[in-house]
Amino acid sequence: MTYTVEFSEAAVADLEQLLDFALQRELDSETGDLDIPDRAVQAIKNGIGFLAASPFACRKLGDSPFVRELIIPFGHTGYVALFEIVDSNTVIIGAIRHQREDDYH
């Protein structure tokens, strides 16, 4: 079974912010590598692909068995996607943060 993965407006804004930050960081660096933001996008896409196939394999967050988080490895850290399994066909991503950010709940 494959789930449809949808992004909330907040998650879309998070993605834009994360990618803008990664691009700006590389542009500001003396040794900037503009492939890094592209690789970050690919890592997130790969994570979302896993989520579409196996959302229940991700760890639960809180008391609900349907609210979970996906760890997306990238470099020395990575990203965390907060999502909810809303029915037998649909997963909605509510937020995506870099693992070093303080909070996303």
C-alpha atoms as a PDB file:
ATOM      1  CA  MET A   1       0.000   0.000   0.000  1.00  0.00           C
ATOM      2  CA  THR A   2       1.214   3.483  -0.816  1.00  0.00           C
ATOM      3  CA  TYR A   3       0.087   6.554   1.082  1.00  0.00           C
ATOM      4  CA  THR A   4      -0.470   9.929  -0.504  1.00  0.00           C
ATOM      5  CA  VAL A   5       1.794  12.441   1.243  1.00  0.00           C
ATOM      6  CA  GLU A   6       0.469  15.985   1.493  1.00  0.00           C
ATOM      7  CA  PHE A   7       2.174  19.077   2.900  1.00  0.00           C
ATOM      8  CA  SER A   8       0.454  21.601   5.124  1.00  0.00           C
ATOM      9  CA  GLU A   9       1.018  25.265   4.312  1.00  0.00           C
ATOM     10  CA  ALA A  10       3.298  25.460   7.359  1.00  0.00           C
ATOM     11  CA  ALA A  11       5.389  22.516   6.093  1.00  0.00           C
ATOM     12  CA  VAL A  12       5.751  24.157   2.669  1.00  0.00           C
ATOM     13  CA  ALA A  13       6.942  27.353   4.369  1.00  0.00           C
ATOM     14  CA  ASP A  14       9.357  25.291   6.481  1.00  0.00           C
ATOM     15  CA  LEU A  15      10.822  23.680   3.359  1.00  0.00           C
ATOM     16  CA  GLU A  16      11.294  27.046   1.679  1.00  0.00           C
ATOM     17  CA  GLN A  17      12.995  28.436   4.783  1.00  0.00           C
ATOM     18  CA  LEU A  18      15.288  25.410   5.132  1.00  0.00           C
ATOM     19  CA  LEU A  19      16.358  25.544   1.508  1.00  0.00           C
ATOM     20  CA  ASP A  20      16.847  29.321   1.557  1.00  0.00           C
ATOM     21  CA  PHE A  21      19.016  28.929   4.656  1.00  0.00           C
ATOM     22  CA  ALA A  22      21.107  26.142   3.109  1.00  0.00           C
ATOM     23  CA  LEU A  23      21.618  28.102  -0.105  1.00  0.00           C
ATOM     24  CA  GLN A  24      22.522  31.324   1.702  1.00  0.00           C
ATOM     25  CA  ARG A  25      24.944  29.498   4.000  1.00  0.00           C
ATOM     26  CA  GLU A  26      26.794  28.097   0.995  1.00  0.00           C
ATOM     27  CA  LEU A  27      26.780  31.437  -0.848  1.00  0.00           C
ATOM     28  CA  ASP A  28      28.266  33.150   2.221  1.00  0.00           C
ATOM     29  CA  SER A  29      30.960  30.520   2.693  1.00  0.00           C
ATOM     30  CA  GLU A  30      34.426  30.953   1.200  1.00  0.00           C
ATOM     31  CA  THR A  31      34.315  27.325   0.112  1.00  0.00           C
ATOM     32  CA  GLY A  32      30.584  27.227  -0.623  1.00  0.00           C
ATOM     33  CA  ASP A  33      29.300  24.088  -2.276  1.00  0.00           C
ATOM     34  CA  LEU A  34      26.083  24.773  -4.157  1.00  0.00           C
ATOM     35  CA  ASP A  35      25.484  21.044  -4.511  1.00  0.00           C
ATOM     36  CA  ILE A  36      24.717  20.828  -0.784  1.00  0.00           C
ATOM     37  CA  PRO A  37      21.226  22.409  -1.032  1.00  0.00           C
ATOM     38  CA  ASP A  38      20.435  20.049  -3.926  1.00  0.00           C
ATOM     39  CA  ARG A  39      21.581  17.068  -1.886  1.00  0.00           C
ATOM     40  CA  ALA A  40      19.435  18.270   1.027  1.00  0.00           C
ATOM     41  CA  VAL A  41      16.398  18.364  -1.258  1.00  0.00           C
ATOM     42  CA  GLN A  42      17.176  14.843  -2.440  1.00  0.00           C
ATOM     43  CA  ALA A  43      17.517  13.601   1.147  1.00  0.00           C
ATOM     44  CA  ILE A  44      14.116  15.078   1.998  1.00  0.00           C
ATOM     45  CA  LYS A  45      12.572  13.536  -1.119  1.00  0.00           C
ATOM     46  CA  ASN A  46      14.012  10.149  -0.184  1.00  0.00           C
ATOM     47  CA  GLY A  47      12.582  10.497   3.317  1.00  0.00           C
ATOM     48  CA  ILE A  48       9.164  11.399   1.947  1.00  0.00           C
ATOM     49  CA  GLY A  49       9.366   8.353  -0.319  1.00  0.00           C
ATOM     50  CA  PHE A  50       9.904   6.165   2.727  1.00  0.00           C
ATOM     51  CA  LEU A  51       7.012   7.885   4.467  1.00  0.00           C
ATOM     52  CA  ALA A  52       4.702   7.128   1.531  1.00  0.00           C
ATOM     53  CA  ALA A  53       5.522   3.434   1.878  1.00  0.00           C
ATOM     54  CA  SER A  54       5.851   2.920   5.646  1.00  0.00           C
ATOM     55  CA  PRO A  55       4.515   5.724   7.849  1.00  0.00           C
ATOM     56  CA  PHE A  56       3.854   3.380  10.767  1.00  0.00           C
ATOM     57  CA  ALA A  57       7.578   2.508  10.866  1.00  0.00           C
ATOM     58  CA  CYS A  58       8.332   6.014  12.144  1.00  0.00           C
ATOM     59  CA  ARG A  59       8.391   6.743  15.847  1.00  0.00           C
ATOM     60  CA  LYS A  60       5.263   7.897  17.629  1.00  0.00           C
ATOM     61  CA  LEU A  61       5.076  11.379  19.052  1.00  0.00           C
ATOM     62  CA  GLY A  62       2.832  11.783  22.057  1.00  0.00           C
ATOM     63  CA  ASP A  63      -0.179   9.652  22.887  1.00  0.00           C
ATOM     64  CA  SER A  64      -1.736   9.300  19.437  1.00  0.00           C
ATOM     65  CA  PRO A  65      -0.556   6.350  17.356  1.00  0.00           C
ATOM     66  CA  PHE A  66      -1.191   8.461  14.249  1.00  0.00           C
ATOM     67  CA  VAL A  67       1.060  11.437  15.040  1.00  0.00           C
ATOM     68  CA  ARG A  68       4.663  10.547  14.295  1.00  0.00           C
ATOM     69  CA  GLU A  69       8.000  11.935  13.258  1.00  0.00           C
ATOM     70  CA  LEU A  70      10.351  10.952  10.494  1.00  0.00           C
ATOM     71  CA  ILE A  71      14.092  11.391  10.939  1.00  0.00           C
ATOM     72  CA  ILE A  72      15.744  12.343   7.646  1.00  0.00           C
ATOM     73  CA  PRO A  73      19.527  11.887   7.840  1.00  0.00           C
ATOM     74  CA  PHE A  74      21.696  14.438   6.051  1.00  0.00           C
ATOM     75  CA  GLY A  75      25.348  15.065   6.726  1.00  0.00           C
ATOM     76  CA  HIS A  76      26.203  15.073  10.428  1.00  0.00           C
ATOM     77  CA  THR A  77      22.627  15.945  11.402  1.00  0.00           C
ATOM     78  CA  GLY A  78      19.518  16.010   9.230  1.00  0.00           C
ATOM     79  CA  TYR A  79      15.880  16.956   9.328  1.00  0.00           C
ATOM     80  CA  VAL A  80      12.776  15.930  11.257  1.00  0.00           C
ATOM     81  CA  ALA A  81       9.310  15.831   9.704  1.00  0.00           C
ATOM     82  CA  LEU A  82       6.260  15.879  11.984  1.00  0.00           C
ATOM     83  CA  PHE A  83       3.310  14.146  10.328  1.00  0.00           C
ATOM     84  CA  GLU A  84      -0.096  12.638  10.939  1.00  0.00           C
ATOM     85  CA  ILE A  85      -1.595   9.553   9.369  1.00  0.00           C
ATOM     86  CA  VAL A  86      -5.114  10.856   8.729  1.00  0.00           C
ATOM     87  CA  ASP A  87      -6.658   7.794   7.090  1.00  0.00           C
ATOM     88  CA  SER A  88      -5.739   4.577   5.315  1.00  0.00           C
ATOM     89  CA  ASN A  89      -4.508   6.502   2.273  1.00  0.00           C
ATOM     90  CA  THR A  90      -3.206   9.874   3.454  1.00  0.00           C
ATOM     91  CA  VAL A  91      -0.337  11.295   5.449  1.00  0.00           C
ATOM     92  CA  ILE A  92      -0.083  15.035   6.101  1.00  0.00           C
ATOM     93  CA  ILE A  93       3.247  16.608   6.965  1.00  0.00           C
ATOM     94  CA  GLY A  94       2.688  19.389   9.468  1.00  0.00           C
ATOM     95  CA  ALA A  95       6.239  20.659   9.929  1.00  0.00           C
ATOM     96  CA  ILE A  96       9.811  20.045   8.831  1.00  0.00           C
ATOM     97  CA  ARG A  97      12.763  21.299  10.827  1.00  0.00           C
ATOM     98  CA  HIS A  98      16.505  20.931  10.914  1.00  0.00           C
ATOM     99  CA  GLN A  99      17.475  18.644  13.786  1.00  0.00           C
ATOM    100  CA  ARG A 100      19.411  21.435  15.472  1.00  0.00           C
ATOM    101  CA  GLU A 101      16.408  23.747  15.688  1.00  0.00           C
ATOM    102  CA  ASP A 102      14.852  24.133  19.104  1.00  0.00           C
ATOM    103  CA  ASP A 103      11.305  22.965  18.573  1.00  0.00           C
ATOM    104  CA  TYR A 104       8.707  22.270  15.918  1.00  0.00           C
ATOM    105  CA  HIS A 105       5.639  21.147  17.884  1.00  0.00           C
END
